Amino acid sequence: METKLADLQLKPWLLAELKQLGYEVVGDMQHLPAEVILPGMGGHAYRKIAKALGQDPDLTKR
């Protein structure tokens, strides 16, 4: 079962924006790189989504 974005307890404005863009479940964002996702949200929300996707949510510069 796919995790719904609403289940991640994101901020209401961010959830509304993602729904407006057509994203209902976390799997819809699987193909997007962090550079595309991150400008629209903060690090906390990004880490929640990355964890649900099974990706490494490490945002430190290397």
N, C-alpha and C. Protein backbone atom coordinates (compact mmCIF):
# COMPACT_ATOMS: atom_id res chain seq x y z
N MET A 1 0.84 -1.18 0.00
CA MET A 1 0.00 0.00 0.00
C MET A 1 0.88 1.24 0.00
N GLU A 2 0.55 2.18 -0.82
CA GLU A 2 1.31 3.42 -0.92
C GLU A 2 0.92 4.38 0.19
N THR A 3 1.90 5.11 0.68
CA THR A 3 1.66 6.10 1.73
C THR A 3 1.07 7.36 1.12
N LYS A 4 -0.03 7.81 1.66
CA LYS A 4 -0.63 9.05 1.19
C LYS A 4 0.12 10.23 1.80
N LEU A 5 0.19 11.32 1.05
CA LEU A 5 0.87 12.51 1.54
C LEU A 5 0.18 13.05 2.78
N ALA A 6 -1.12 12.90 2.88
CA ALA A 6 -1.86 13.39 4.05
C ALA A 6 -1.46 12.63 5.31
N ASP A 7 -1.02 11.38 5.17
CA ASP A 7 -0.60 10.59 6.32
C ASP A 7 0.74 11.04 6.90
N LEU A 8 1.50 11.82 6.14
CA LEU A 8 2.81 12.29 6.60
C LEU A 8 2.71 13.51 7.50
N GLN A 9 1.54 14.03 7.69
CA GLN A 9 1.29 15.20 8.53
C GLN A 9 2.12 16.40 8.10
N LEU A 10 2.05 16.70 6.81
CA LEU A 10 2.72 17.88 6.28
C LEU A 10 1.89 19.11 6.61
N LYS A 11 2.49 20.28 6.45
CA LYS A 11 1.75 21.51 6.70
C LYS A 11 0.61 21.62 5.69
N PRO A 12 -0.52 22.17 6.11
CA PRO A 12 -1.69 22.24 5.22
C PRO A 12 -1.43 22.96 3.90
N TRP A 13 -0.65 24.04 3.91
CA TRP A 13 -0.40 24.76 2.66
C TRP A 13 0.45 23.93 1.70
N LEU A 14 1.39 23.16 2.26
CA LEU A 14 2.24 22.31 1.42
C LEU A 14 1.44 21.15 0.85
N LEU A 15 0.61 20.56 1.68
CA LEU A 15 -0.23 19.46 1.22
C LEU A 15 -1.17 19.92 0.11
N ALA A 16 -1.76 21.11 0.28
CA ALA A 16 -2.66 21.65 -0.75
C ALA A 16 -1.91 21.92 -2.05
N GLU A 17 -0.69 22.44 -1.94
CA GLU A 17 0.10 22.72 -3.14
C GLU A 17 0.48 21.44 -3.87
N LEU A 18 0.87 20.41 -3.12
CA LEU A 18 1.23 19.14 -3.74
C LEU A 18 0.02 18.48 -4.40
N LYS A 19 -1.13 18.58 -3.76
CA LYS A 19 -2.35 18.03 -4.38
C LYS A 19 -2.71 18.78 -5.64
N GLN A 20 -2.51 20.10 -5.63
CA GLN A 20 -2.80 20.90 -6.81
C GLN A 20 -1.89 20.51 -7.98
N LEU A 21 -0.67 20.10 -7.66
CA LEU A 21 0.27 19.66 -8.69
C LEU A 21 0.01 18.23 -9.14
N GLY A 22 -0.92 17.54 -8.47
CA GLY A 22 -1.30 16.21 -8.90
C GLY A 22 -0.69 15.08 -8.10
N TYR A 23 -0.07 15.38 -6.97
CA TYR A 23 0.57 14.35 -6.15
C TYR A 23 -0.37 13.97 -5.00
N GLU A 24 -0.82 12.73 -4.99
CA GLU A 24 -1.71 12.23 -3.94
C GLU A 24 -0.99 11.28 -3.00
N VAL A 25 -0.11 10.45 -3.56
CA VAL A 25 0.64 9.48 -2.76
C VAL A 25 2.14 9.75 -2.94
N VAL A 26 2.93 9.24 -2.03
CA VAL A 26 4.37 9.48 -2.05
C VAL A 26 5.00 8.92 -3.33
N GLY A 27 4.50 7.82 -3.82
CA GLY A 27 5.04 7.21 -5.02
C GLY A 27 4.94 8.09 -6.25
N ASP A 28 4.02 9.05 -6.24
CA ASP A 28 3.90 9.98 -7.37
C ASP A 28 5.13 10.87 -7.49
N MET A 29 5.88 11.01 -6.41
CA MET A 29 7.05 11.90 -6.40
C MET A 29 8.35 11.12 -6.57
N GLN A 30 8.27 9.83 -6.81
CA GLN A 30 9.43 8.95 -6.91
C GLN A 30 10.43 9.42 -7.97
N HIS A 31 9.93 9.90 -9.08
CA HIS A 31 10.80 10.25 -10.21
C HIS A 31 11.45 11.63 -10.09
N LEU A 32 11.05 12.43 -9.11
CA LEU A 32 11.57 13.79 -8.97
C LEU A 32 12.87 13.82 -8.18
N PRO A 33 13.88 14.53 -8.67
CA PRO A 33 15.12 14.67 -7.89
C PRO A 33 14.92 15.69 -6.77
N ALA A 34 15.80 15.65 -5.79
CA ALA A 34 15.71 16.55 -4.63
C ALA A 34 15.77 18.01 -5.05
N GLU A 35 16.49 18.33 -6.10
CA GLU A 35 16.63 19.71 -6.54
C GLU A 35 15.31 20.30 -7.00
N VAL A 36 14.40 19.46 -7.44
CA VAL A 36 13.09 19.92 -7.88
C VAL A 36 12.13 20.01 -6.71
N ILE A 37 12.19 19.06 -5.80
CA ILE A 37 11.27 19.01 -4.67
C ILE A 37 11.61 20.06 -3.62
N LEU A 38 12.87 20.19 -3.29
CA LEU A 38 13.30 20.96 -2.13
C LEU A 38 12.96 22.45 -2.15
N PRO A 39 13.05 23.17 -3.27
CA PRO A 39 12.76 24.60 -3.21
C PRO A 39 11.36 24.95 -2.70
N GLY A 40 10.41 24.07 -2.86
CA GLY A 40 9.04 24.36 -2.45
C GLY A 40 8.72 24.00 -1.01
N MET A 41 9.65 23.35 -0.33
CA MET A 41 9.35 22.91 1.04
C MET A 41 10.60 22.98 1.90
N GLY A 42 10.40 22.90 3.18
CA GLY A 42 11.52 22.91 4.11
C GLY A 42 12.14 21.54 4.25
N GLY A 43 13.24 21.50 4.96
CA GLY A 43 13.98 20.26 5.13
C GLY A 43 13.22 19.20 5.90
N HIS A 44 12.43 19.63 6.89
CA HIS A 44 11.67 18.67 7.71
C HIS A 44 10.66 17.91 6.85
N ALA A 45 9.93 18.62 6.01
CA ALA A 45 8.95 17.98 5.13
C ALA A 45 9.65 17.09 4.11
N TYR A 46 10.79 17.57 3.59
CA TYR A 46 11.52 16.77 2.61
C TYR A 46 12.00 15.46 3.23
N ARG A 47 12.50 15.52 4.46
CA ARG A 47 12.97 14.30 5.13
C ARG A 47 11.84 13.31 5.34
N LYS A 48 10.65 13.79 5.65
CA LYS A 48 9.49 12.90 5.81
C LYS A 48 9.17 12.19 4.50
N ILE A 49 9.18 12.94 3.41
CA ILE A 49 8.86 12.37 2.10
C ILE A 49 9.97 11.41 1.67
N ALA A 50 11.22 11.79 1.86
CA ALA A 50 12.35 10.92 1.48
C ALA A 50 12.32 9.63 2.27
N LYS A 51 12.00 9.70 3.55
CA LYS A 51 11.93 8.49 4.37
C LYS A 51 10.81 7.58 3.87
N ALA A 52 9.66 8.16 3.50
CA ALA A 52 8.55 7.36 2.99
C ALA A 52 8.90 6.74 1.64
N LEU A 53 9.76 7.41 0.86
CA LEU A 53 10.20 6.87 -0.43
C LEU A 53 11.31 5.84 -0.27
N GLY A 54 11.90 5.76 0.93
CA GLY A 54 12.99 4.84 1.14
C GLY A 54 14.32 5.38 0.67
N GLN A 55 14.42 6.72 0.51
CA GLN A 55 15.65 7.35 0.07
C GLN A 55 16.41 7.90 1.27
N ASP A 56 17.68 8.22 1.06
CA ASP A 56 18.49 8.82 2.10
C ASP A 56 18.15 10.30 2.19
N PRO A 57 17.59 10.73 3.31
CA PRO A 57 17.20 12.15 3.43
C PRO A 57 18.32 13.06 3.88
N ASP A 58 19.56 12.67 3.71
CA ASP A 58 20.70 13.47 4.14
C ASP A 58 20.83 14.71 3.24
N LEU A 59 20.74 15.89 3.84
CA LEU A 59 20.78 17.13 3.08
C LEU A 59 22.10 17.86 3.24
N THR A 60 23.08 17.25 3.89
CA THR A 60 24.34 17.93 4.11
C THR A 60 25.13 18.02 2.81
N LYS A 61 25.88 19.09 2.68
CA LYS A 61 26.71 19.26 1.49
C LYS A 61 27.95 18.38 1.62
N ARG A 62 28.37 17.87 0.51
CA ARG A 62 29.53 16.97 0.53
C ARG A 62 30.69 17.61 -0.13
